[in-house]
Structures are given as C-alpha cells and as structure tokens.
Amino acid sequence: MVPAPSGSSIRCAGIEEIAPGSIAVAIYGSTAAGTFDEQSDIDILVIGDPFVASVLRNHVLVAGAAL
C-alpha cells in the first residue's frame, strides 16, 4: 500500500490553489483515509458558497462528526 500524503505534501502539490477564493478545500475518501492505491482517484470537496460557510460557522451538532 502507498503511504498517505501528509497535509504539507498536499499543500505543496497545489491542491489548495484549485479553487482560489473558496471557503474550504478538503481531501476525503481513500486518500484521506490512507487506503488509496495506484488506481485510486482523489476526492476533493470545495466549499465556496457564502450560505454554506454560514451554516458551517453557525451550526449545532446533533449527531455525527464535528464540522
């Protein structure tokens, strides 16, 4: 299995620059979990909507993982 890239190597690869002006850029899926291989894709979540940002800032977590 290929080792998962660190946060700093992801930043050095330019992933943060995919959507300049976005509120957040996140890697998820097998790359984030460290279970990816040579045939895996890279799952990227880009949040750029001001409404979504307000929800993320002003939410009450009822269940699940913290945002």
N, C-alpha and C. Protein backbone atom coordinates (compact mmCIF):
# COMPACT_ATOMS: atom_id res chain seq x y z
N MET A 1 0.84 -1.18 0.00
CA MET A 1 0.00 0.00 0.00
C MET A 1 0.89 1.25 0.00
N VAL A 2 0.49 2.24 -0.74
CA VAL A 2 1.23 3.50 -0.82
C VAL A 2 0.90 4.34 0.40
N PRO A 3 1.90 4.97 1.05
CA PRO A 3 1.59 5.79 2.23
C PRO A 3 0.78 7.02 1.86
N ALA A 4 -0.12 7.43 2.74
CA ALA A 4 -0.95 8.62 2.51
C ALA A 4 -0.08 9.86 2.51
N PRO A 5 -0.38 10.80 1.63
CA PRO A 5 0.38 12.04 1.64
C PRO A 5 0.06 12.84 2.89
N SER A 6 1.03 13.58 3.37
CA SER A 6 0.80 14.43 4.53
C SER A 6 0.11 15.70 4.09
N GLY A 7 -0.45 16.44 5.07
CA GLY A 7 -1.09 17.71 4.76
C GLY A 7 -0.15 18.67 4.06
N SER A 8 1.12 18.69 4.48
CA SER A 8 2.06 19.62 3.86
C SER A 8 2.37 19.21 2.42
N SER A 9 2.46 17.90 2.13
CA SER A 9 2.74 17.49 0.75
C SER A 9 1.55 17.77 -0.14
N ILE A 10 0.33 17.69 0.40
CA ILE A 10 -0.86 18.02 -0.38
C ILE A 10 -0.84 19.51 -0.70
N ARG A 11 -0.50 20.34 0.26
CA ARG A 11 -0.42 21.78 0.01
C ARG A 11 0.66 22.09 -1.01
N CYS A 12 1.79 21.42 -0.91
CA CYS A 12 2.88 21.66 -1.86
C CYS A 12 2.48 21.24 -3.26
N ALA A 13 1.56 20.29 -3.39
CA ALA A 13 1.12 19.82 -4.70
C ALA A 13 0.18 20.82 -5.36
N GLY A 14 -0.24 21.85 -4.64
CA GLY A 14 -1.08 22.89 -5.22
C GLY A 14 -2.57 22.65 -5.11
N ILE A 15 -2.99 21.67 -4.33
CA ILE A 15 -4.42 21.39 -4.22
C ILE A 15 -5.17 22.57 -3.63
N GLU A 16 -4.56 23.32 -2.72
CA GLU A 16 -5.23 24.49 -2.14
C GLU A 16 -5.52 25.54 -3.21
N GLU A 17 -4.78 25.52 -4.31
CA GLU A 17 -4.94 26.53 -5.35
C GLU A 17 -5.96 26.15 -6.41
N ILE A 18 -6.62 25.01 -6.26
CA ILE A 18 -7.61 24.58 -7.24
C ILE A 18 -8.77 25.57 -7.31
N ALA A 19 -9.17 26.08 -6.18
CA ALA A 19 -10.31 26.99 -6.13
C ALA A 19 -9.96 28.20 -5.28
N PRO A 20 -9.15 29.11 -5.82
CA PRO A 20 -8.80 30.30 -5.04
C PRO A 20 -10.07 31.08 -4.71
N GLY A 21 -10.14 31.62 -3.53
CA GLY A 21 -11.33 32.34 -3.09
C GLY A 21 -12.37 31.44 -2.48
N SER A 22 -12.11 30.14 -2.46
CA SER A 22 -13.07 29.23 -1.84
C SER A 22 -12.96 29.36 -0.32
N ILE A 23 -13.98 28.88 0.34
CA ILE A 23 -14.02 28.93 1.80
C ILE A 23 -13.21 27.79 2.38
N ALA A 24 -13.28 26.62 1.75
CA ALA A 24 -12.54 25.46 2.23
C ALA A 24 -12.31 24.49 1.09
N VAL A 25 -11.18 23.79 1.14
CA VAL A 25 -10.87 22.72 0.20
C VAL A 25 -10.45 21.53 1.05
N ALA A 26 -11.10 20.39 0.86
CA ALA A 26 -10.80 19.22 1.68
C ALA A 26 -10.59 18.01 0.78
N ILE A 27 -9.71 17.13 1.21
CA ILE A 27 -9.49 15.83 0.58
C ILE A 27 -10.22 14.80 1.43
N TYR A 28 -10.96 13.90 0.79
CA TYR A 28 -11.66 12.86 1.54
C TYR A 28 -11.54 11.54 0.79
N GLY A 29 -12.13 10.53 1.32
CA GLY A 29 -12.09 9.21 0.66
C GLY A 29 -10.81 8.46 0.98
N SER A 30 -10.41 7.61 0.05
CA SER A 30 -9.28 6.72 0.32
C SER A 30 -7.97 7.48 0.50
N THR A 31 -7.80 8.62 -0.16
CA THR A 31 -6.57 9.40 0.03
C THR A 31 -6.47 9.90 1.46
N ALA A 32 -7.55 10.45 1.98
CA ALA A 32 -7.55 10.95 3.36
C ALA A 32 -7.44 9.82 4.37
N ALA A 33 -8.04 8.68 4.04
CA ALA A 33 -8.02 7.54 4.96
C ALA A 33 -6.70 6.78 4.92
N GLY A 34 -5.90 7.04 3.89
CA GLY A 34 -4.64 6.33 3.77
C GLY A 34 -4.78 4.94 3.19
N THR A 35 -5.90 4.67 2.52
CA THR A 35 -6.14 3.34 1.95
C THR A 35 -6.11 3.34 0.43
N PHE A 36 -5.59 4.41 -0.16
CA PHE A 36 -5.56 4.52 -1.62
C PHE A 36 -4.45 3.66 -2.20
N ASP A 37 -4.56 3.40 -3.51
CA ASP A 37 -3.51 2.69 -4.23
C ASP A 37 -3.30 3.39 -5.57
N GLU A 38 -2.55 2.76 -6.45
CA GLU A 38 -2.19 3.38 -7.73
C GLU A 38 -3.40 3.66 -8.62
N GLN A 39 -4.50 2.96 -8.41
CA GLN A 39 -5.69 3.14 -9.24
C GLN A 39 -6.74 4.04 -8.61
N SER A 40 -6.47 4.56 -7.43
CA SER A 40 -7.44 5.41 -6.74
C SER A 40 -7.49 6.80 -7.35
N ASP A 41 -8.65 7.41 -7.26
CA ASP A 41 -8.77 8.82 -7.63
C ASP A 41 -8.57 9.66 -6.37
N ILE A 42 -8.62 10.97 -6.53
CA ILE A 42 -8.51 11.87 -5.38
C ILE A 42 -9.84 12.60 -5.27
N ASP A 43 -10.52 12.42 -4.14
CA ASP A 43 -11.81 13.06 -3.90
C ASP A 43 -11.55 14.41 -3.24
N ILE A 44 -12.06 15.47 -3.88
CA ILE A 44 -11.84 16.83 -3.39
C ILE A 44 -13.20 17.50 -3.17
N LEU A 45 -13.39 18.08 -2.00
CA LEU A 45 -14.58 18.84 -1.67
C LEU A 45 -14.20 20.31 -1.64
N VAL A 46 -14.88 21.13 -2.43
CA VAL A 46 -14.64 22.57 -2.46
C VAL A 46 -15.91 23.25 -1.96
N ILE A 47 -15.77 24.07 -0.93
CA ILE A 47 -16.89 24.85 -0.40
C ILE A 47 -16.63 26.30 -0.76
N GLY A 48 -17.54 26.88 -1.51
CA GLY A 48 -17.33 28.24 -1.95
C GLY A 48 -18.55 29.12 -1.78
N ASP A 49 -19.65 28.58 -1.35
CA ASP A 49 -20.89 29.32 -1.22
C ASP A 49 -20.94 30.00 0.15
N PRO A 50 -21.18 31.32 0.20
CA PRO A 50 -21.26 32.02 1.49
C PRO A 50 -22.35 31.45 2.40
N PHE A 51 -23.46 30.94 1.83
CA PHE A 51 -24.50 30.34 2.65
C PHE A 51 -23.97 29.11 3.38
N VAL A 52 -23.26 28.27 2.65
CA VAL A 52 -22.69 27.06 3.26
C VAL A 52 -21.72 27.45 4.36
N ALA A 53 -20.92 28.48 4.14
CA ALA A 53 -19.99 28.94 5.16
C ALA A 53 -20.73 29.38 6.41
N SER A 54 -21.85 30.06 6.25
CA SER A 54 -22.60 30.50 7.43
C SER A 54 -23.18 29.30 8.18
N VAL A 55 -23.60 28.27 7.45
CA VAL A 55 -24.11 27.06 8.11
C VAL A 55 -22.98 26.38 8.89
N LEU A 56 -21.79 26.30 8.28
CA LEU A 56 -20.67 25.66 8.96
C LEU A 56 -20.25 26.44 10.21
N ARG A 57 -20.34 27.76 10.15
CA ARG A 57 -19.97 28.58 11.32
C ARG A 57 -21.03 28.54 12.40
N ASN A 58 -22.30 28.49 12.00
CA ASN A 58 -23.42 28.65 12.93
C ASN A 58 -24.29 27.40 12.96
N HIS A 59 -23.73 26.30 13.41
CA HIS A 59 -24.50 25.07 13.45
C HIS A 59 -24.48 24.49 14.86
N VAL A 60 -25.45 23.65 15.13
CA VAL A 60 -25.50 22.89 16.38
C VAL A 60 -25.41 21.42 15.98
N LEU A 61 -24.34 20.76 16.38
CA LEU A 61 -24.14 19.36 16.01
C LEU A 61 -25.09 18.49 16.83
N VAL A 62 -25.95 17.76 16.14
CA VAL A 62 -26.91 16.87 16.80
C VAL A 62 -26.33 15.47 16.89
N ALA A 63 -25.68 15.01 15.83
CA ALA A 63 -25.05 13.70 15.80
C ALA A 63 -23.99 13.68 14.74
N GLY A 64 -23.06 12.77 14.83
CA GLY A 64 -22.03 12.63 13.82
C GLY A 64 -20.75 13.36 14.16
N ALA A 65 -19.90 13.48 13.16
CA ALA A 65 -18.58 14.09 13.34
C ALA A 65 -18.70 15.61 13.34
N ALA A 66 -17.84 16.24 14.11
CA ALA A 66 -17.82 17.71 14.15
C ALA A 66 -17.45 18.26 12.78
N LEU A 67 -18.03 19.39 12.44
CA LEU A 67 -17.74 20.04 11.15
C LEU A 67 -16.55 20.95 11.31
